[in-house]
């Protein structure tokens, strides 16, 4: 299974904000630059995360992005499920339907594998993702001084 770029960026934005507690809240533009992602893509991700209640975005002087309590404790598996949305790993019903779809065992096996993938991420939270060595590295990157530990 491969995550969409949107989900990848969302996870990185959440991780970046999880280490921003003791600093001025970063702007969307600053987070985009730190994560080396286009601003427009980051802005869409930020809007979705805000809609989900995982981050707060304040405009103007003293504004910026911050992680909410729900964002800190969010299950990575649940978050990936939400961001990836429903769908099969393989396309069986597309414009050219698979001739095996009526009796295929592969489709259900792949569904089981996909659920096992999500289940392995369920116990992880955003806070846990930024434990050492990741958190110090993120802090170093955002300050312009990579800290490898």
N, C-alpha and C. Protein backbone atom coordinates (compact mmCIF):
# COMPACT_ATOMS: atom_id res chain seq x y z
N UNK A 1 0.84 -1.18 0.00
CA UNK A 1 0.00 0.00 0.00
C UNK A 1 0.89 1.24 0.00
N UNK A 2 0.44 2.25 -0.68
CA UNK A 2 1.19 3.49 -0.75
C UNK A 2 0.27 4.64 -0.35
N UNK A 3 0.74 5.48 0.58
CA UNK A 3 -0.05 6.61 1.02
C UNK A 3 -0.03 7.71 -0.04
N UNK A 4 -1.10 8.47 -0.09
CA UNK A 4 -1.14 9.61 -1.00
C UNK A 4 -0.19 10.69 -0.48
N UNK A 5 0.20 11.56 -1.36
CA UNK A 5 1.07 12.69 -0.98
C UNK A 5 0.37 13.55 0.07
N UNK A 6 -0.94 13.69 -0.04
CA UNK A 6 -1.72 14.49 0.90
C UNK A 6 -1.56 13.94 2.32
N UNK A 7 -1.72 12.63 2.47
CA UNK A 7 -1.59 12.01 3.79
C UNK A 7 -0.17 12.14 4.31
N UNK A 8 0.80 11.94 3.46
CA UNK A 8 2.20 12.08 3.84
C UNK A 8 2.47 13.49 4.37
N UNK A 9 2.02 14.50 3.65
CA UNK A 9 2.24 15.88 4.07
C UNK A 9 1.48 16.16 5.38
N UNK A 10 0.27 15.65 5.50
CA UNK A 10 -0.51 15.87 6.73
C UNK A 10 0.22 15.32 7.94
N UNK A 11 0.77 14.13 7.83
CA UNK A 11 1.50 13.53 8.95
C UNK A 11 2.74 14.36 9.29
N UNK A 12 3.45 14.82 8.26
CA UNK A 12 4.64 15.64 8.51
C UNK A 12 4.28 16.98 9.13
N UNK A 13 3.18 17.59 8.71
CA UNK A 13 2.74 18.86 9.30
C UNK A 13 2.41 18.65 10.78
N UNK A 14 1.67 17.59 11.08
CA UNK A 14 1.33 17.30 12.48
C UNK A 14 2.58 17.07 13.32
N UNK A 15 3.53 16.34 12.77
CA UNK A 15 4.77 16.09 13.50
C UNK A 15 5.53 17.39 13.74
N UNK A 16 5.58 18.24 12.73
CA UNK A 16 6.27 19.53 12.88
C UNK A 16 5.63 20.37 13.98
N UNK A 17 4.29 20.40 13.99
CA UNK A 17 3.59 21.19 15.00
C UNK A 17 3.72 20.58 16.39
N UNK A 18 3.89 19.29 16.46
CA UNK A 18 4.03 18.62 17.77
C UNK A 18 5.31 19.04 18.49
N UNK A 19 6.32 19.49 17.76
CA UNK A 19 7.57 19.92 18.40
C UNK A 19 7.65 21.44 18.52
N UNK A 20 6.58 22.14 18.18
CA UNK A 20 6.60 23.60 18.18
C UNK A 20 6.05 24.21 19.46
N UNK A 21 5.93 23.42 20.53
CA UNK A 21 5.32 23.90 21.77
C UNK A 21 6.03 25.09 22.39
N UNK A 22 7.34 25.09 22.38
CA UNK A 22 8.11 26.13 23.08
C UNK A 22 8.62 27.22 22.16
N UNK A 23 7.92 27.45 21.09
CA UNK A 23 8.33 28.49 20.15
C UNK A 23 7.10 29.23 19.67
N UNK A 24 7.33 30.31 18.98
CA UNK A 24 6.23 31.04 18.38
C UNK A 24 5.56 30.14 17.35
N UNK A 25 4.22 30.11 17.32
CA UNK A 25 3.56 29.21 16.37
C UNK A 25 3.99 29.50 14.93
N UNK A 26 4.41 28.48 14.20
CA UNK A 26 4.84 28.69 12.82
C UNK A 26 3.64 28.97 11.90
N UNK A 27 3.90 29.66 10.82
CA UNK A 27 2.86 29.91 9.83
C UNK A 27 2.81 28.73 8.86
N UNK A 28 1.78 28.70 8.07
CA UNK A 28 1.67 27.66 7.04
C UNK A 28 2.86 27.75 6.09
N UNK A 29 3.24 28.94 5.73
CA UNK A 29 4.36 29.14 4.82
C UNK A 29 5.66 28.61 5.44
N UNK A 30 5.88 28.86 6.72
CA UNK A 30 7.08 28.37 7.40
C UNK A 30 7.10 26.84 7.48
N UNK A 31 5.96 26.26 7.78
CA UNK A 31 5.88 24.80 7.85
C UNK A 31 6.14 24.21 6.47
N UNK A 32 5.56 24.81 5.44
CA UNK A 32 5.78 24.33 4.07
C UNK A 32 7.26 24.36 3.72
N UNK A 33 7.93 25.44 4.08
CA UNK A 33 9.36 25.56 3.78
C UNK A 33 10.17 24.52 4.55
N UNK A 34 9.86 24.34 5.82
CA UNK A 34 10.58 23.37 6.64
C UNK A 34 10.40 21.95 6.10
N UNK A 35 9.19 21.63 5.70
CA UNK A 35 8.88 20.28 5.21
C UNK A 35 9.17 20.11 3.73
N UNK A 36 9.62 21.19 3.10
CA UNK A 36 9.96 21.19 1.66
C UNK A 36 8.79 20.71 0.81
N UNK A 37 7.64 21.32 1.06
CA UNK A 37 6.40 21.01 0.35
C UNK A 37 5.86 22.32 -0.20
N UNK A 38 5.28 22.32 -1.40
CA UNK A 38 4.71 23.56 -1.93
C UNK A 38 3.68 24.18 -0.98
N UNK A 39 3.71 25.49 -0.89
CA UNK A 39 2.81 26.21 0.02
C UNK A 39 1.34 25.88 -0.27
N UNK A 40 0.95 25.87 -1.53
CA UNK A 40 -0.47 25.64 -1.86
C UNK A 40 -0.92 24.26 -1.38
N UNK A 41 -0.08 23.28 -1.52
CA UNK A 41 -0.42 21.93 -1.06
C UNK A 41 -0.52 21.92 0.47
N UNK A 42 0.42 22.56 1.11
CA UNK A 42 0.42 22.62 2.58
C UNK A 42 -0.83 23.34 3.08
N UNK A 43 -1.23 24.40 2.41
CA UNK A 43 -2.42 25.16 2.82
C UNK A 43 -3.67 24.27 2.76
N UNK A 44 -3.78 23.43 1.74
CA UNK A 44 -4.92 22.52 1.64
C UNK A 44 -4.89 21.50 2.77
N UNK A 45 -3.72 20.99 3.08
CA UNK A 45 -3.57 20.04 4.18
C UNK A 45 -3.95 20.70 5.50
N UNK A 46 -3.46 21.90 5.73
CA UNK A 46 -3.76 22.63 6.96
C UNK A 46 -5.26 22.84 7.10
N UNK A 47 -5.93 23.21 6.02
CA UNK A 47 -7.38 23.41 6.07
C UNK A 47 -8.10 22.13 6.47
N UNK A 48 -7.67 21.01 5.93
CA UNK A 48 -8.31 19.72 6.26
C UNK A 48 -8.04 19.34 7.71
N UNK A 49 -6.81 19.51 8.18
CA UNK A 49 -6.48 19.18 9.56
C UNK A 49 -7.23 20.09 10.53
N UNK A 50 -7.41 21.32 10.14
CA UNK A 50 -8.18 22.26 10.98
C UNK A 50 -9.64 21.80 11.03
N UNK A 51 -10.19 21.42 9.90
CA UNK A 51 -11.56 20.93 9.83
C UNK A 51 -11.75 19.70 10.72
N UNK A 52 -10.73 18.85 10.79
CA UNK A 52 -10.79 17.64 11.63
C UNK A 52 -10.56 17.95 13.11
N UNK A 53 -10.25 19.20 13.44
CA UNK A 53 -10.03 19.58 14.83
C UNK A 53 -8.68 19.20 15.38
N UNK A 54 -7.72 18.93 14.50
CA UNK A 54 -6.40 18.50 14.94
C UNK A 54 -5.42 19.66 15.10
N UNK A 55 -5.67 20.74 14.39
CA UNK A 55 -4.83 21.93 14.53
C UNK A 55 -5.70 23.16 14.61
N UNK A 56 -5.12 24.22 15.16
CA UNK A 56 -5.75 25.54 15.18
C UNK A 56 -4.90 26.46 14.33
N UNK A 57 -5.56 27.30 13.58
CA UNK A 57 -4.85 28.27 12.75
C UNK A 57 -5.38 29.66 13.11
N UNK A 58 -4.46 30.53 13.51
CA UNK A 58 -4.83 31.91 13.85
C UNK A 58 -4.15 32.85 12.88
N UNK A 59 -4.91 33.83 12.41
CA UNK A 59 -4.37 34.81 11.46
C UNK A 59 -3.86 36.04 12.19
N UNK A 60 -3.07 36.80 11.48
CA UNK A 60 -2.63 38.09 11.99
C UNK A 60 -1.45 37.99 12.94
N UNK A 61 -1.17 39.15 13.57
CA UNK A 61 -0.06 39.22 14.52
C UNK A 61 -0.26 38.23 15.65
N UNK A 62 0.77 37.48 15.95
CA UNK A 62 0.67 36.47 17.00
C UNK A 62 -0.03 35.20 16.53
N UNK A 63 -0.34 35.14 15.25
CA UNK A 63 -1.03 33.98 14.71
C UNK A 63 -0.07 32.86 14.37
N UNK A 64 -0.59 31.87 13.76
CA UNK A 64 0.20 30.72 13.35
C UNK A 64 -0.57 29.44 13.58
N UNK A 65 0.12 28.35 13.46
CA UNK A 65 -0.50 27.04 13.58
C UNK A 65 -0.10 26.39 14.90
N UNK A 66 -1.05 25.70 15.51
CA UNK A 66 -0.74 24.95 16.71
C UNK A 66 -1.55 23.67 16.73
N UNK A 67 -0.99 22.68 17.37
CA UNK A 67 -1.61 21.37 17.49
C UNK A 67 -2.60 21.41 18.65
N UNK A 68 -3.77 20.84 18.47
CA UNK A 68 -4.75 20.76 19.56
C UNK A 68 -4.47 19.51 20.39
N UNK A 69 -5.15 19.39 21.50
CA UNK A 69 -5.03 18.18 22.32
C UNK A 69 -5.45 16.95 21.52
N UNK A 70 -6.51 17.09 20.73
CA UNK A 70 -6.96 15.98 19.88
C UNK A 70 -5.89 15.63 18.86
N UNK A 71 -5.18 16.63 18.37
CA UNK A 71 -4.11 16.40 17.41
C UNK A 71 -2.95 15.63 18.02
N UNK A 72 -2.62 15.97 19.26
CA UNK A 72 -1.52 15.28 19.94
C UNK A 72 -1.81 13.80 20.18
N UNK A 73 -3.06 13.51 20.53
CA UNK A 73 -3.40 12.14 20.89
C UNK A 73 -4.04 11.36 19.74
N UNK A 74 -4.10 11.95 18.57
CA UNK A 74 -4.74 11.29 17.43
C UNK A 74 -4.02 9.98 17.08
N UNK A 75 -4.81 8.96 16.85
CA UNK A 75 -4.27 7.67 16.39
C UNK A 75 -3.81 7.83 14.95
N UNK A 76 -2.59 7.42 14.68
CA UNK A 76 -2.07 7.52 13.32
C UNK A 76 -2.88 6.62 12.38
N UNK A 77 -3.26 5.44 12.83
CA UNK A 77 -4.08 4.56 12.01
C UNK A 77 -5.42 5.19 11.66
N UNK A 78 -6.08 5.78 12.66
CA UNK A 78 -7.36 6.44 12.42
C UNK A 78 -7.21 7.62 11.49
N UNK A 79 -6.14 8.37 11.68
CA UNK A 79 -5.89 9.54 10.84
C UNK A 79 -5.62 9.13 9.39
N UNK A 80 -4.81 8.11 9.20
CA UNK A 80 -4.51 7.65 7.84
C UNK A 80 -5.78 7.12 7.18
N UNK A 81 -6.61 6.39 7.92
CA UNK A 81 -7.88 5.92 7.37
C UNK A 81 -8.73 7.09 6.90
N UNK A 82 -8.82 8.11 7.75
CA UNK A 82 -9.63 9.30 7.43
C UNK A 82 -9.11 10.02 6.20
N UNK A 83 -7.81 10.23 6.14
CA UNK A 83 -7.23 11.00 5.04
C UNK A 83 -7.20 10.22 3.73
N UNK A 84 -6.98 8.92 3.82
CA UNK A 84 -6.94 8.10 2.60
C UNK A 84 -8.34 7.84 2.06
N UNK A 85 -9.33 7.82 2.94
CA UNK A 85 -10.71 7.59 2.50
C UNK A 85 -10.95 6.15 2.09
N UNK A 86 -12.20 5.86 1.80
CA UNK A 86 -12.54 4.48 1.41
C UNK A 86 -12.01 4.14 0.03
N UNK A 87 -11.82 2.90 -0.18
CA UNK A 87 -11.35 2.45 -1.50
C UNK A 87 -10.57 1.17 -1.36
N UNK A 88 -10.48 0.47 -2.46
CA UNK A 88 -9.75 -0.79 -2.48
C UNK A 88 -8.31 -0.56 -2.89
N UNK A 89 -7.45 -1.46 -2.46
CA UNK A 89 -6.04 -1.40 -2.84
C UNK A 89 -5.90 -1.57 -4.35
N UNK A 90 -6.73 -2.43 -4.92
CA UNK A 90 -6.74 -2.63 -6.37
C UNK A 90 -8.10 -2.20 -6.90
N UNK A 91 -8.12 -1.77 -8.13
CA UNK A 91 -9.37 -1.32 -8.75
C UNK A 91 -9.98 -2.49 -9.52
N UNK A 92 -11.08 -3.01 -8.98
CA UNK A 92 -11.73 -4.17 -9.60
C UNK A 92 -12.94 -3.75 -10.44
N UNK A 93 -13.48 -2.57 -10.16
CA UNK A 93 -14.72 -2.13 -10.81
C UNK A 93 -14.52 -0.94 -11.72
N UNK A 94 -13.32 -0.64 -12.12
CA UNK A 94 -13.03 0.55 -12.92
C UNK A 94 -13.68 0.55 -14.29
N UNK A 95 -13.16 1.37 -15.17
CA UNK A 95 -13.72 1.49 -16.52
C UNK A 95 -13.64 0.17 -17.29
N UNK A 96 -12.66 -0.65 -16.94
CA UNK A 96 -12.55 -2.00 -17.50
C UNK A 96 -12.57 -2.97 -16.32
N UNK A 97 -13.77 -3.39 -15.90
CA UNK A 97 -13.87 -4.25 -14.71
C UNK A 97 -13.07 -5.54 -14.88
N UNK A 98 -12.52 -6.00 -13.78
CA UNK A 98 -11.75 -7.25 -13.77
C UNK A 98 -12.70 -8.42 -14.00
N UNK A 99 -12.37 -9.31 -14.90
CA UNK A 99 -13.24 -10.46 -15.15
C UNK A 99 -13.28 -11.45 -13.98
N UNK A 100 -12.37 -11.34 -13.04
CA UNK A 100 -12.34 -12.25 -11.89
C UNK A 100 -13.12 -11.73 -10.69
N UNK A 101 -13.64 -10.53 -10.76
CA UNK A 101 -14.22 -9.87 -9.58
C UNK A 101 -15.32 -10.66 -8.88
N UNK A 102 -16.07 -11.47 -9.60
CA UNK A 102 -17.16 -12.22 -8.99
C UNK A 102 -16.67 -13.33 -8.06
N UNK A 103 -15.49 -13.85 -8.30
CA UNK A 103 -15.00 -14.97 -7.48
C UNK A 103 -13.54 -14.80 -7.07
N UNK A 104 -13.11 -13.57 -6.94
CA UNK A 104 -11.70 -13.31 -6.66
C UNK A 104 -11.41 -13.35 -5.17
N UNK A 105 -10.39 -14.06 -4.80
CA UNK A 105 -9.96 -14.13 -3.40
C UNK A 105 -8.88 -13.08 -3.12
N UNK A 106 -8.25 -12.59 -4.16
CA UNK A 106 -7.19 -11.60 -3.98
C UNK A 106 -7.74 -10.32 -3.36
N UNK A 107 -8.88 -9.88 -3.82
CA UNK A 107 -9.47 -8.63 -3.32
C UNK A 107 -9.68 -8.67 -1.80
N UNK A 108 -10.24 -9.77 -1.29
CA UNK A 108 -10.45 -9.86 0.15
C UNK A 108 -9.13 -10.01 0.91
N UNK A 109 -8.17 -10.69 0.31
CA UNK A 109 -6.86 -10.82 0.95
C UNK A 109 -6.19 -9.44 1.05
N UNK A 110 -6.31 -8.64 0.01
CA UNK A 110 -5.72 -7.30 0.03
C UNK A 110 -6.45 -6.40 1.02
N UNK A 111 -7.76 -6.55 1.15
CA UNK A 111 -8.50 -5.79 2.16
C UNK A 111 -7.99 -6.14 3.56
N UNK A 112 -7.76 -7.43 3.79
CA UNK A 112 -7.23 -7.86 5.09
C UNK A 112 -5.84 -7.30 5.34
N UNK A 113 -5.01 -7.28 4.32
CA UNK A 113 -3.66 -6.72 4.46
C UNK A 113 -3.72 -5.22 4.73
N UNK A 114 -4.64 -4.54 4.06
CA UNK A 114 -4.79 -3.10 4.27
C UNK A 114 -5.23 -2.82 5.71
N UNK A 115 -6.17 -3.60 6.21
CA UNK A 115 -6.63 -3.41 7.58
C UNK A 115 -5.52 -3.72 8.58
N UNK A 116 -4.70 -4.72 8.30
CA UNK A 116 -3.56 -5.03 9.17
C UNK A 116 -2.57 -3.87 9.19
N UNK A 117 -2.39 -3.24 8.04
CA UNK A 117 -1.52 -2.06 7.94
C UNK A 117 -2.04 -0.94 8.85
N UNK A 118 -3.34 -0.63 8.73
CA UNK A 118 -3.93 0.40 9.58
C UNK A 118 -3.86 0.01 11.05
N UNK A 119 -4.17 -1.25 11.35
CA UNK A 119 -4.15 -1.72 12.74
C UNK A 119 -2.77 -1.57 13.37
N UNK A 120 -1.73 -1.75 12.57
CA UNK A 120 -0.37 -1.60 13.11
C UNK A 120 -0.07 -0.14 13.45
N UNK A 121 -0.79 0.79 12.82
CA UNK A 121 -0.60 2.21 13.09
C UNK A 121 -1.54 2.73 14.18
N UNK A 122 -2.61 1.99 14.48
CA UNK A 122 -3.61 2.45 15.44
C UNK A 122 -3.05 2.84 16.80
N UNK A 123 -2.13 2.08 17.39
CA UNK A 123 -1.65 2.44 18.73
C UNK A 123 -0.74 3.68 18.76
N UNK A 124 -0.20 4.07 17.63
CA UNK A 124 0.71 5.22 17.60
C UNK A 124 -0.04 6.53 17.60
N UNK A 125 0.49 7.50 18.33
CA UNK A 125 -0.09 8.85 18.33
C UNK A 125 0.92 9.82 17.73
N UNK A 126 0.46 11.01 17.43
CA UNK A 126 1.34 12.04 16.90
C UNK A 126 2.46 12.33 17.89
N UNK A 127 2.13 12.41 19.16
CA UNK A 127 3.14 12.66 20.19
C UNK A 127 4.22 11.59 20.18
N UNK A 128 3.82 10.33 20.01
CA UNK A 128 4.79 9.24 19.99
C UNK A 128 5.69 9.30 18.76
N UNK A 129 5.16 9.81 17.65
CA UNK A 129 5.96 9.89 16.43
C UNK A 129 7.13 10.86 16.56
N UNK A 130 7.01 11.83 17.47
CA UNK A 130 8.07 12.83 17.58
C UNK A 130 8.98 12.59 18.79
N UNK A 131 8.90 11.39 19.35
CA UNK A 131 9.85 11.04 20.41
C UNK A 131 11.24 10.98 19.79
N UNK A 132 12.25 11.05 20.63
CA UNK A 132 13.63 11.01 20.16
C UNK A 132 13.86 9.74 19.36
N UNK A 133 14.54 9.81 18.27
CA UNK A 133 15.38 10.88 17.73
C UNK A 133 14.65 11.82 16.76
N UNK A 134 13.37 11.55 16.45
CA UNK A 134 12.67 12.36 15.45
C UNK A 134 12.44 13.79 15.92
N UNK A 135 11.96 13.97 17.14
CA UNK A 135 11.66 15.31 17.65
C UNK A 135 12.84 16.26 17.60
N UNK A 136 13.99 15.87 18.15
CA UNK A 136 15.15 16.76 18.08
C UNK A 136 15.57 17.08 16.64
N UNK A 137 15.44 16.13 15.75
CA UNK A 137 15.77 16.38 14.35
C UNK A 137 14.81 17.41 13.76
N UNK A 138 13.52 17.26 14.04
CA UNK A 138 12.53 18.23 13.54
C UNK A 138 12.79 19.63 14.09
N UNK A 139 13.14 19.71 15.36
CA UNK A 139 13.44 21.02 15.96
C UNK A 139 14.64 21.64 15.27
N UNK A 140 15.67 20.83 15.02
CA UNK A 140 16.86 21.33 14.34
C UNK A 140 16.57 21.79 12.93
N UNK A 141 15.77 21.02 12.21
CA UNK A 141 15.41 21.39 10.84
C UNK A 141 14.63 22.69 10.81
N UNK A 142 13.67 22.83 11.72
CA UNK A 142 12.84 24.03 11.72
C UNK A 142 13.61 25.27 12.16
N UNK A 143 14.68 25.07 12.91
CA UNK A 143 15.49 26.22 13.32
C UNK A 143 16.63 26.48 12.34
N UNK A 144 16.75 25.59 11.34
CA UNK A 144 17.83 25.73 10.37
C UNK A 144 19.12 25.08 10.80
N UNK A 145 19.09 24.37 11.95
CA UNK A 145 20.28 23.70 12.45
C UNK A 145 19.96 22.24 12.68
N UNK A 146 20.07 21.39 11.67
CA UNK A 146 19.78 19.96 11.87
C UNK A 146 20.54 19.40 13.06
N UNK A 147 19.82 18.76 13.96
CA UNK A 147 20.40 18.16 15.15
C UNK A 147 20.17 16.66 15.05
N UNK A 148 21.21 15.92 14.82
CA UNK A 148 21.09 14.49 14.65
C UNK A 148 21.24 13.73 15.96
N UNK A 149 21.24 14.42 17.05
CA UNK A 149 21.18 13.71 18.31
C UNK A 149 22.35 13.91 19.15
